[in-house]
Protein backbone atom coordinates (compact mmCIF):
# COMPACT_ATOMS: atom_id res chain seq x y z
CA MET A 1 2.80 259.01 164.98
CA GLU A 2 4.29 255.71 163.72
CA HIS A 3 1.56 253.91 165.59
CA ARG A 4 -1.20 256.02 164.21
CA GLN A 5 0.31 255.29 160.72
CA LYS A 6 0.24 251.55 161.08
CA ALA A 7 -3.20 251.82 162.26
CA VAL A 8 -4.42 253.68 159.23
CA PHE A 9 -2.65 251.22 157.01
CA ARG A 10 -4.21 248.35 158.76
CA LEU A 11 -7.64 250.01 158.28
CA TRP A 12 -6.87 250.79 154.70
CA LYS A 13 -6.08 247.23 154.14
CA ARG A 14 -9.13 245.99 155.89
CA LYS A 15 -11.27 248.31 153.52
CA ILE A 16 -9.80 247.05 150.37
CA VAL A 17 -10.68 243.37 150.95
CA LEU A 18 -13.67 242.53 148.72
CA ARG A 19 -15.95 239.63 148.79
CA MET A 20 -15.71 237.54 146.06
CA ARG A 21 -19.33 237.23 145.49
CA VAL A 22 -19.58 240.94 144.96
CA VAL A 23 -16.77 241.01 142.43
CA ILE A 24 -18.37 238.02 140.47
CA PHE A 25 -21.76 239.73 140.67
CA PHE A 26 -20.45 243.05 139.04
CA LEU A 27 -18.53 241.13 136.44
CA LEU A 28 -21.41 239.26 135.43
CA LEU A 29 -23.54 242.63 135.15
CA LEU A 30 -20.53 244.14 133.45
CA PHE A 31 -20.11 241.36 130.80
CA GLY A 32 -23.91 241.17 130.35
CA CYS A 33 -24.86 244.99 130.01
CA ILE A 34 -21.79 246.04 127.90
CA PRO A 35 -22.53 243.83 124.86
CA THR A 36 -26.20 244.58 125.27
CA PHE A 37 -25.59 248.31 125.22
CA PHE A 38 -23.26 248.18 122.31
CA CYS A 39 -25.39 245.85 120.43
CA ALA A 40 -28.40 248.08 120.80
CA GLN A 41 -26.33 251.35 119.68
CA THR A 42 -24.81 249.54 116.80
CA ILE A 43 -28.03 248.38 115.53
CA ILE A 44 -29.59 251.82 115.79
CA ARG A 45 -26.71 253.34 114.05
CA SER A 46 -26.90 250.77 111.43
CA VAL A 47 -30.72 250.84 111.00
CA ARG A 48 -30.48 254.81 110.75
CA GLN A 49 -27.67 254.74 108.09
CA ASN A 50 -29.39 252.07 105.95
CA GLU A 51 -32.77 254.18 106.01
CA ILE A 52 -30.93 257.40 104.88
CA ASP A 53 -29.01 255.45 102.27
CA ALA A 54 -32.36 253.87 101.23
CA ARG A 55 -34.00 257.18 101.07
CA MET A 56 -31.22 258.91 98.98
CA ILE A 57 -31.20 255.84 96.62
CA GLU A 58 -35.04 256.08 96.15
CA ILE A 59 -34.94 259.80 95.74
CA GLN A 60 -32.07 259.58 93.12
CA ASN A 61 -33.94 256.99 91.23
CA GLN A 62 -37.42 259.14 91.08
CA CYS A 63 -35.29 262.24 89.98
CA ARG A 64 -33.64 260.24 87.16
CA ILE A 65 -37.25 259.32 86.10
CA LEU A 66 -38.32 262.93 86.32
CA SER A 67 -34.96 264.11 84.55
CA SER A 68 -35.67 261.56 81.80
CA LYS A 69 -39.33 262.98 81.26
CA MET A 70 -38.12 266.57 81.39
CA THR A 71 -35.62 265.61 78.60
CA ARG A 72 -38.15 263.69 76.61
CA LEU A 73 -40.87 266.66 76.68
CA ARG A 74 -38.15 269.32 76.01
CA TYR A 75 -39.03 271.01 79.32
CA PHE A 76 -36.55 273.90 79.17
CA TRP A 77 -37.73 274.69 75.35
CA GLU A 78 -41.55 275.00 76.08
CA GLU A 79 -42.72 278.46 77.21
CA GLY A 80 -43.54 278.22 80.79
CA GLY A 81 -42.31 274.69 81.09
CA VAL A 82 -44.66 271.88 81.02
CA SER A 83 -47.49 271.98 83.61
CA SER A 84 -47.90 268.22 84.05
CA LEU A 85 -44.27 268.10 84.93
CA ASP A 86 -44.44 270.97 87.26
CA SER A 87 -47.24 269.19 89.20
CA GLU A 88 -44.99 266.20 89.41
CA ILE A 89 -42.18 268.05 90.65
CA GLU A 90 -44.42 269.61 93.38
CA THR A 91 -46.02 266.22 94.29
CA MET A 92 -42.51 264.60 94.60
CA ALA A 93 -41.39 267.45 96.93
CA ASP A 94 -44.38 267.27 99.17
CA VAL A 95 -44.07 263.23 99.30
CA TYR A 96 -40.56 263.30 100.53
CA ASN A 97 -40.98 266.41 102.58
CA GLY A 98 -38.29 268.28 100.58
CA ARG A 99 -37.60 271.11 98.06
CA ILE A 100 -36.87 270.68 94.46
CA VAL A 101 -35.16 273.41 92.39
CA VAL A 102 -34.84 273.49 88.61
CA VAL A 103 -32.04 275.51 87.15
CA ASP A 104 -31.48 276.08 83.51
CA ARG A 105 -28.29 276.47 81.54
CA ASP A 106 -28.09 280.19 82.34
CA PHE A 107 -27.95 279.31 86.22
CA ARG A 108 -31.58 280.88 86.58
CA ILE A 109 -33.99 279.08 88.54
CA VAL A 110 -37.00 278.19 86.58
CA GLN A 111 -39.14 276.15 89.18
CA ASP A 112 -38.97 276.23 93.11
CA THR A 113 -41.25 273.99 94.91
CA PHE A 114 -40.96 276.58 97.72
CA HIS A 115 -41.80 279.46 95.33
CA ILE A 116 -39.22 281.62 96.90
CA ALA A 117 -36.34 281.72 94.56
CA GLU A 118 -37.81 281.50 90.97
CA SER A 119 -36.13 283.63 88.46
CA ARG A 120 -33.07 284.02 90.70
CA LEU A 121 -29.66 283.00 89.70
CA MET A 122 -28.11 279.86 91.46
CA VAL A 123 -24.32 279.64 90.95
CA ALA A 124 -23.42 276.99 93.45
CA GLU A 125 -20.46 274.62 93.48
CA GLU A 126 -22.58 271.59 93.16
CA VAL A 127 -24.60 273.15 90.00
CA ILE A 128 -21.43 274.02 88.34
CA ARG A 129 -20.11 270.61 88.72
CA CYS A 130 -23.49 268.99 87.63
CA PHE A 131 -23.40 271.10 84.26
CA GLN A 132 -19.95 269.58 83.82
CA GLY A 133 -21.22 266.19 83.93
CA GLU A 134 -20.42 265.37 87.57
CA ASN A 135 -23.37 264.30 89.92
CA SER A 136 -23.21 265.05 93.58
CA SER A 137 -24.71 263.76 96.72
CA LYS A 138 -23.84 265.05 100.29
CA TYR A 139 -25.38 264.32 103.58
CA ASN A 140 -25.25 267.02 106.36
CA SER A 141 -25.51 264.92 109.56
CA GLN A 142 -25.73 267.91 111.82
CA LYS A 143 -28.75 269.45 110.20
CA ASN A 144 -30.22 265.98 109.28
CA TYR A 145 -30.71 266.81 105.43
CA PHE A 146 -29.16 265.70 102.07
CA ILE A 147 -28.45 267.58 98.81
CA GLN A 148 -28.54 265.75 95.37
CA THR A 149 -27.89 267.29 91.99
CA LEU A 150 -28.88 265.41 88.67
CA PRO A 151 -28.48 266.95 85.11
CA VAL A 152 -31.30 267.20 82.63
CA TYR A 153 -30.06 266.35 79.16
CA ASP A 154 -31.43 267.72 76.02
CA ASN A 155 -32.96 265.34 73.35
CA THR A 156 -30.38 265.72 70.77
CA ASP A 157 -27.66 263.34 69.84
CA ASP A 158 -24.83 265.40 71.34
CA LYS A 159 -26.32 264.88 74.85
CA GLY A 160 -25.95 268.45 76.08
CA ILE A 161 -27.17 269.45 79.44
CA ASP A 162 -30.06 271.87 79.41
CA GLY A 163 -30.40 272.24 83.23
CA VAL A 164 -30.05 270.85 86.54
CA LEU A 165 -32.28 269.29 89.40
CA VAL A 166 -31.31 270.27 92.89
CA ILE A 167 -33.16 268.29 95.48
CA THR A 168 -32.83 269.04 99.10
CA VAL A 169 -34.46 266.29 101.40
CA SER A 170 -34.72 266.36 105.24
CA THR A 171 -34.21 263.25 107.32
CA GLU A 172 -35.90 264.39 110.21
CA SER A 173 -38.71 261.94 109.96
CA ILE A 174 -36.38 259.13 109.82
CA ILE A 175 -34.44 260.53 112.69
CA ASN A 176 -37.85 261.04 114.86
CA LEU A 177 -38.82 257.48 113.90
CA LEU A 178 -35.48 255.94 115.07
CA ASP A 179 -35.63 258.16 118.32
CA LYS A 180 -38.90 256.57 119.20
CA VAL A 181 -37.41 253.22 118.17
CA MET A 182 -34.43 254.18 120.67
CA ASP A 183 -36.82 255.08 123.46
CA ARG A 184 -38.28 251.79 123.27
CA ALA A 185 -34.92 250.17 123.04
CA SER A 186 -33.94 252.05 126.15
CA PHE A 187 -36.88 250.44 127.95
CA PHE A 188 -35.98 247.10 126.90
CA GLN A 189 -32.47 247.81 127.99
CA VAL A 190 -33.46 248.80 131.39
CA LEU A 191 -35.73 245.77 131.55
CA THR A 192 -32.75 243.62 130.50
CA LEU A 193 -30.63 245.15 132.98
CA ILE A 194 -33.18 244.14 135.86
CA ILE A 195 -33.26 240.65 134.50
CA LEU A 196 -29.42 240.59 134.37
CA VAL A 197 -29.34 241.64 137.90
CA MET A 198 -31.77 239.14 139.09
CA ALA A 199 -29.92 236.45 136.99
CA ALA A 200 -26.52 237.52 138.38
CA PHE A 201 -27.84 237.54 141.89
CA MET A 202 -29.15 234.00 141.53
CA ALA A 203 -26.04 232.67 139.70
CA VAL A 204 -23.80 234.19 142.51
CA ARG A 205 -26.19 232.45 145.05
CA VAL A 206 -26.14 229.06 143.38
CA LEU A 207 -22.19 229.24 142.51
CA PHE A 208 -21.34 230.27 146.12
CA GLN A 209 -23.66 227.71 148.00
CA PRO A 210 -21.07 224.97 147.96
CA PHE A 211 -18.41 227.43 149.44
CA GLU A 212 -20.85 228.49 152.13
CA GLU A 213 -21.46 225.08 152.91
CA LEU A 214 -17.61 224.31 153.16
CA GLN A 215 -17.25 227.60 155.30
CA LYS A 216 -19.70 226.17 157.69
CA LYS A 217 -17.98 223.00 158.21
CA LEU A 218 -14.54 224.76 158.34
CA ASP A 219 -15.95 227.02 161.17
CA LEU A 220 -17.10 223.74 163.15
CA VAL A 221 -13.55 222.61 162.58
CA ALA A 222 -12.24 225.95 163.99
CA GLU A 223 -14.41 225.47 166.97
CA GLY A 224 -12.64 222.09 167.87
CA PHE A 225 -14.80 219.53 166.15
CA LEU A 226 -11.88 218.00 164.11
CA ASP A 227 -13.86 214.85 163.27
CA THR A 228 -16.25 216.86 160.89
CA ASP A 229 -16.59 215.77 157.49
CA ILE A 230 -15.74 218.63 155.41
CA THR A 231 -15.73 216.96 151.96
CA THR A 232 -17.59 219.06 149.42
CA SER A 233 -17.72 217.56 145.96
CA THR A 234 -20.18 220.03 144.18
CA TYR A 235 -17.12 221.53 142.22
CA ARG A 236 -13.87 220.32 141.46
CA GLU A 237 -12.40 223.42 143.23
CA THR A 238 -14.36 222.72 146.42
CA LEU A 239 -13.44 219.17 146.30
CA LYS A 240 -9.82 219.86 145.95
CA ILE A 241 -9.89 222.56 148.75
CA SER A 242 -11.95 220.23 151.09
CA GLU A 243 -9.30 217.34 150.24
CA THR A 244 -6.48 219.93 151.23
CA VAL A 245 -7.94 220.89 154.34
CA GLU A 246 -8.79 217.38 155.37
CA ARG A 247 -5.11 216.42 154.95
CA THR A 248 -4.19 219.44 156.96
CA ILE A 249 -6.62 218.40 159.76
CA THR A 250 -5.37 214.84 159.49
CA LYS A 251 -1.91 216.26 159.98
CA LEU A 252 -2.98 218.33 162.93
CA ARG A 253 -4.54 215.36 164.62
CA GLU A 254 -1.41 213.35 164.13
CA ILE A 255 0.60 216.36 165.63
CA ASP A 256 -1.57 216.61 168.45
CA GLU A 257 -1.45 212.69 169.10
CA SER A 258 2.23 212.93 168.63
CA ARG A 259 2.52 215.84 171.19
CA GLN A 260 0.43 213.90 173.83
CA GLU A 261 2.43 210.62 173.04
CA PHE A 262 5.89 212.81 173.28
CA VAL A 263 4.75 214.32 176.57
CA SER A 264 3.78 210.93 178.03
CA ASN A 265 6.90 209.36 176.76
CA VAL A 266 9.16 212.13 178.15
CA SER A 267 7.33 211.78 181.48
CA HIS A 268 8.00 208.01 181.34
CA GLU A 269 11.63 208.29 180.33
CA LEU A 270 12.43 210.78 182.79
CA LYS A 271 10.65 208.96 185.66
CA THR A 272 12.15 205.60 184.86
CA PRO A 273 15.77 206.44 185.81
CA ILE A 274 14.60 208.49 189.07
CA THR A 275 12.53 205.58 189.96
CA SER A 276 15.64 203.18 189.68
CA ILE A 277 17.43 205.43 191.71
CA ARG A 278 14.84 205.69 194.45
CA VAL A 279 14.70 201.98 194.49
CA LEU A 280 18.35 201.65 194.88
CA ALA A 281 18.77 204.34 197.47
CA ASP A 282 15.74 202.93 199.56
CA SER A 283 17.41 199.55 199.44
CA LEU A 284 20.67 200.94 200.73
CA MET A 285 18.88 202.81 203.53
CA GLY A 286 16.81 199.83 204.63
CA MET A 287 19.83 197.47 205.03
CA GLU A 288 22.27 197.42 208.07
CA ASN A 289 25.83 196.78 207.86
CA VAL A 290 25.94 196.98 204.12
CA PRO A 291 29.12 195.25 202.74
CA THR A 292 31.42 197.62 200.79
CA GLU A 293 31.14 195.67 197.74
CA LEU A 294 27.46 195.65 197.84
CA TYR A 295 27.42 199.43 198.62
CA GLN A 296 29.93 200.16 195.72
CA GLU A 297 27.81 198.00 193.35
CA PHE A 298 24.48 200.01 194.32
CA MET A 299 26.33 203.36 193.82
CA GLU A 300 27.64 202.40 190.47
CA ASP A 301 23.79 201.50 189.42
CA ILE A 302 22.90 204.84 190.75
CA SER A 303 25.69 206.66 188.78
CA HIS A 304 24.74 204.59 185.80
CA GLU A 305 20.96 205.79 186.09
CA ILE A 306 22.06 209.36 186.57
CA ASP A 307 24.02 209.19 183.27
CA ARG A 308 21.16 207.97 181.53
CA GLU A 309 19.04 210.80 182.83
CA THR A 310 21.62 213.21 181.80
CA GLN A 311 21.66 211.73 178.29
CA ILE A 312 17.82 211.89 178.01
CA ILE A 313 17.93 215.44 179.11
CA ASN A 314 20.78 216.51 176.77
CA ASP A 315 19.07 214.80 173.82
CA LEU A 316 15.83 216.58 174.46
CA LEU A 317 17.58 220.02 174.77
CA ALA A 318 19.31 219.27 171.32
CA LEU A 319 15.83 218.41 169.69
CA VAL A 320 14.27 221.48 171.19
CA LYS A 321 17.08 223.80 169.80
CA MET A 322 16.76 221.95 166.33
CA ASP A 323 13.02 222.18 166.28
CA LYS A 324 13.09 226.02 166.49
CA SER A 325 12.46 227.69 163.31
CA ASN A 326 15.40 229.90 163.67
CA ALA A 327 17.70 227.24 164.72
CA GLU A 328 21.11 228.29 163.68
CA LEU A 329 23.73 226.27 161.65
CA ASN A 330 27.41 226.89 161.88
CA ILE A 331 28.24 226.37 158.36
CA SER A 332 31.85 225.77 157.32
CA SER A 333 33.75 223.88 154.50
CA VAL A 334 34.33 220.26 155.96
CA ASN A 335 36.35 217.26 154.77
CA VAL A 336 33.50 214.65 155.09
CA ASN A 337 35.86 211.66 154.61
CA LEU A 338 38.27 212.87 157.66
CA LEU A 339 35.07 213.48 159.64
CA VAL A 340 33.73 210.03 159.11
CA GLU A 341 37.09 208.43 159.80
CA GLN A 342 37.29 210.36 163.23
CA ILE A 343 33.86 209.18 164.16
CA LEU A 344 34.60 205.48 163.46
CA LYS A 345 37.90 205.87 165.20
CA ARG A 346 35.83 206.86 168.47
CA LEU A 347 33.39 204.03 167.93
CA ARG A 348 36.02 201.20 167.43
CA PRO A 349 36.45 200.47 171.21
CA ILE A 350 32.56 199.90 171.45
CA ALA A 351 32.54 197.83 168.16
CA ASP A 352 35.45 195.77 169.57
CA ARG A 353 33.53 194.87 172.81
CA GLN A 354 30.50 194.04 170.56
CA LYS A 355 32.81 191.90 168.14
CA VAL A 356 31.66 193.92 165.33
CA GLU A 357 34.03 194.88 162.42
CA LEU A 358 33.86 198.38 161.33
CA ILE A 359 34.59 199.08 157.59
CA PHE A 360 35.11 202.53 155.90
CA GLU A 361 34.88 202.74 152.22
CA SER A 362 35.77 206.15 150.69
CA ILE A 363 34.75 206.10 147.01
CA ARG A 364 35.98 209.86 146.43
CA GLU A 365 37.13 212.81 148.51
CA VAL A 366 34.28 214.99 149.58
CA SER A 367 34.39 218.57 150.81
CA ALA A 368 31.08 220.24 151.68
CA GLU A 369 29.42 223.14 153.36
CA ILE A 370 27.74 221.71 156.56
CA ASP A 371 27.62 222.21 160.31
CA GLU A 372 30.37 219.86 161.51
CA VAL A 373 29.11 219.32 165.04
CA LYS A 374 25.40 218.36 164.03
CA VAL A 375 26.42 216.28 161.00
CA SER A 376 28.98 214.34 163.26
CA LEU A 377 26.11 213.91 165.77
CA ALA A 378 23.85 212.56 162.99
CA ILE A 379 26.46 210.00 161.54
CA THR A 380 27.53 209.22 165.19
CA ASN A 381 23.93 208.17 166.08
CA LEU A 382 23.45 206.02 162.97
CA ALA A 383 26.69 204.18 163.28
CA GLU A 384 26.45 203.80 167.00
CA ASN A 385 23.10 202.21 166.47
CA ALA A 386 24.37 199.94 163.68
CA VAL A 387 27.03 198.72 166.17
CA LYS A 388 24.87 198.13 169.15
CA TYR A 389 21.93 196.55 167.19
CA ASN A 390 24.20 193.98 165.55
CA THR A 391 24.95 190.34 165.95
CA GLU A 392 28.09 188.99 167.32
CA ASN A 393 30.95 188.81 164.66
CA GLY A 394 28.78 191.12 162.43
CA TRP A 395 29.87 194.04 160.49
CA VAL A 396 29.19 197.82 159.79
CA ARG A 397 30.13 199.53 156.56
CA VAL A 398 30.17 203.11 156.17
CA THR A 399 30.46 204.59 152.52
CA VAL A 400 31.17 208.14 151.50
CA ASP A 401 30.28 209.08 147.99
CA ALA A 402 29.47 212.33 145.90
CA ASP A 403 28.10 213.56 142.72
CA HIS A 404 28.14 217.22 141.43
CA LYS A 405 25.36 218.46 143.74
CA PHE A 406 25.03 216.10 146.82
CA PHE A 407 27.28 213.82 148.93
CA TYR A 408 26.13 210.54 150.12
CA ILE A 409 26.90 208.52 153.31
CA LYS A 410 25.64 205.01 153.41
CA ILE A 411 25.69 203.06 156.69
CA SER A 412 24.92 199.46 156.18
CA ASP A 413 25.05 196.65 159.10
CA SER A 414 24.52 193.03 159.53
CA GLY A 415 22.25 193.49 162.48
CA ILE A 416 18.80 192.36 163.51
CA GLY A 417 16.98 194.60 160.93
CA ILE A 418 13.82 196.43 161.20
CA PRO A 419 10.22 195.21 160.34
CA GLU A 420 8.48 196.70 157.34
CA ASP A 421 5.55 198.01 159.38
CA GLU A 422 7.98 199.77 161.96
CA GLN A 423 10.17 201.61 159.35
CA ASN A 424 7.84 204.58 158.96
CA LYS A 425 8.00 205.08 162.85
CA ILE A 426 11.59 204.74 163.61
CA PHE A 427 12.12 208.60 163.44
CA ASP A 428 9.59 209.35 165.98
CA ARG A 429 10.85 210.50 169.19
CA PHE A 430 11.20 207.61 171.93
CA TYR A 431 10.14 205.12 169.51
CA ARG A 432 11.95 201.81 169.93
CA VAL A 433 11.86 198.71 167.68
CA ASP A 434 13.24 196.37 170.59
CA LYS A 435 12.31 198.44 173.76
CA THR A 436 14.14 195.73 176.05
CA ARG A 437 17.35 195.90 174.22
CA SER A 438 17.16 199.61 173.64
CA ARG A 439 17.02 200.11 177.56
CA GLU A 440 20.06 197.63 178.04
CA THR A 441 22.10 199.43 175.67
CA GLY A 442 21.36 202.85 177.24
CA GLY A 443 19.45 204.44 174.37
CA SER A 444 17.31 207.44 174.86
CA GLY A 445 14.96 206.75 171.78
CA LEU A 446 16.09 210.06 170.66
CA GLY A 447 18.97 209.73 168.26
CA LEU A 448 17.25 208.92 164.95
CA ALA A 449 14.86 211.99 165.58
CA ILE A 450 17.86 214.09 166.18
CA THR A 451 19.52 212.64 163.12
CA ARG A 452 16.59 213.32 160.78
CA ASN A 453 16.39 216.81 162.05
CA VAL A 454 20.02 217.37 161.34
CA VAL A 455 19.48 216.09 157.81
CA LEU A 456 16.50 218.30 157.07
CA MET A 457 18.21 221.32 158.59
CA HIS A 458 20.83 220.81 155.90
CA LYS A 459 18.09 220.61 153.09
CA GLY A 460 18.91 216.83 152.87
CA ALA A 461 17.05 213.53 153.04
CA ILE A 462 17.50 210.18 154.68
CA LYS A 463 16.34 206.93 153.60
CA LEU A 464 16.15 203.41 155.27
CA SER A 465 16.23 200.08 153.61
CA SER A 466 16.06 197.04 155.90
CA ARG A 467 14.73 193.44 156.32
CA PRO A 468 14.36 191.58 159.53
CA GLY A 469 17.49 189.37 160.30
CA GLU A 470 19.42 190.78 157.09
CA GLY A 471 20.43 194.18 158.56
CA SER A 472 19.66 197.74 157.64
CA THR A 473 21.02 200.41 155.34
CA PHE A 474 20.55 204.28 156.10
CA THR A 475 21.53 206.60 153.39
CA LEU A 476 21.98 210.36 153.90
CA ARG A 477 21.93 212.71 150.99
CA ILE A 478 23.16 216.24 151.67
CA PRO A 479 23.89 219.17 149.41
CA LEU A 480 27.64 219.97 148.89
CA LYS A 481 26.75 223.73 149.09
CA TYR A 482 24.31 225.04 151.75
CA ILE A 483 21.83 227.35 150.64
CA ALA A 484 20.10 229.23 153.75
CA SER A 485 16.31 229.76 153.32
CA ALA A 486 14.75 233.17 153.15
CA GLY A 487 14.86 234.81 156.50
CA GLY A 488 16.91 232.04 158.13
CA GLN A 489 20.55 231.89 159.20
CA GLY A 490 23.16 229.84 158.19
């Protein structure tokens, strides 16, 4: 059941992975279509409202003119009205496809262009307000018509109201016209959508062409052609990606070359003591009546080569353990000053034989969270190298200092120094500056590699300053408090 759930989850994750070109294609369409649609709708609504407002204002003006004529000709005082005005009212109603009703002060309809309500009473709210001097204008958007009322004044000085004009005008013609415009606009919207689809398709194709080119080059790299030039400088993004991948490939080449060199060096280093033991053993077996002194000397040489082989194997095992991503550190609070003193105490016999003076300088007391065994190994490697690769009557100074965040161990010597072009290689495995002298001192070529790994495991740093003939200075910087990385152990 659990296995099935995991399979379904993996399938679901695979389904939701989208291609970037599809996302960008739809985004371009979205950002193109939405403004076009809303602009068209906004323009249509604006044009419709403007047309209706213009029609209302036009009719209002015409009715005012008609009201003025009715006042001047005393329309309500003439028996049967004024025939010329009746004709004008009829004509205006026909022109605007509406209905005009004339109401006298008794609320009786004296003129109706539809001729269906004459002599009837019209006691409507709009008419009453208009007799009170309040004009009204209302638009019914659901039924597409508007009603307007205007007073008809008498021609006396007191400006009394003789009657009211009630105008009802349909806006169907305007709506129908705008519907036709909308149909054409819809056609242009569809045409615009097609153009946008084609433009988005072409834009996505052009935009992603450099990425496709980069992908093809990366596919060649994945097939093993590490020398492929993957530089793609069409966009700044593709240039940065290709430069980053190029650095990664270069690092992979270096790692591959380092691995091959490491395997070759391991084979050579392990083979050298065995070859020496073979030569010594063959020499003993080939001689008759071997003197005891010579036999003892040969056996001492064989024992020395075995010790050397053992040291190389132990150092290799230590490196392998430190190279593991889940390598453990046994962290504890350690007095660094005391640790360094004990290391120098063990090295004094070697320093005395080399006639090298060991100097310990403690600037302040330091207590840090470290792996005592591994840090002790790192300091021992550096101090022992400083003694072994020193000059006669030379010196080695070890300084311990700290600030609020790190502690520092500086190991300086008056030795042979390291050439500048060799300094970036000395932490490589089996690398030796002076190969002849290294073999004479019994070094495996792994000490500095082990030291660097120990420092990095503690989230620290190691720095070298050296000049040939003037000595070298190694500086270790390690945090006072160890912080385990996520998922790691400390």
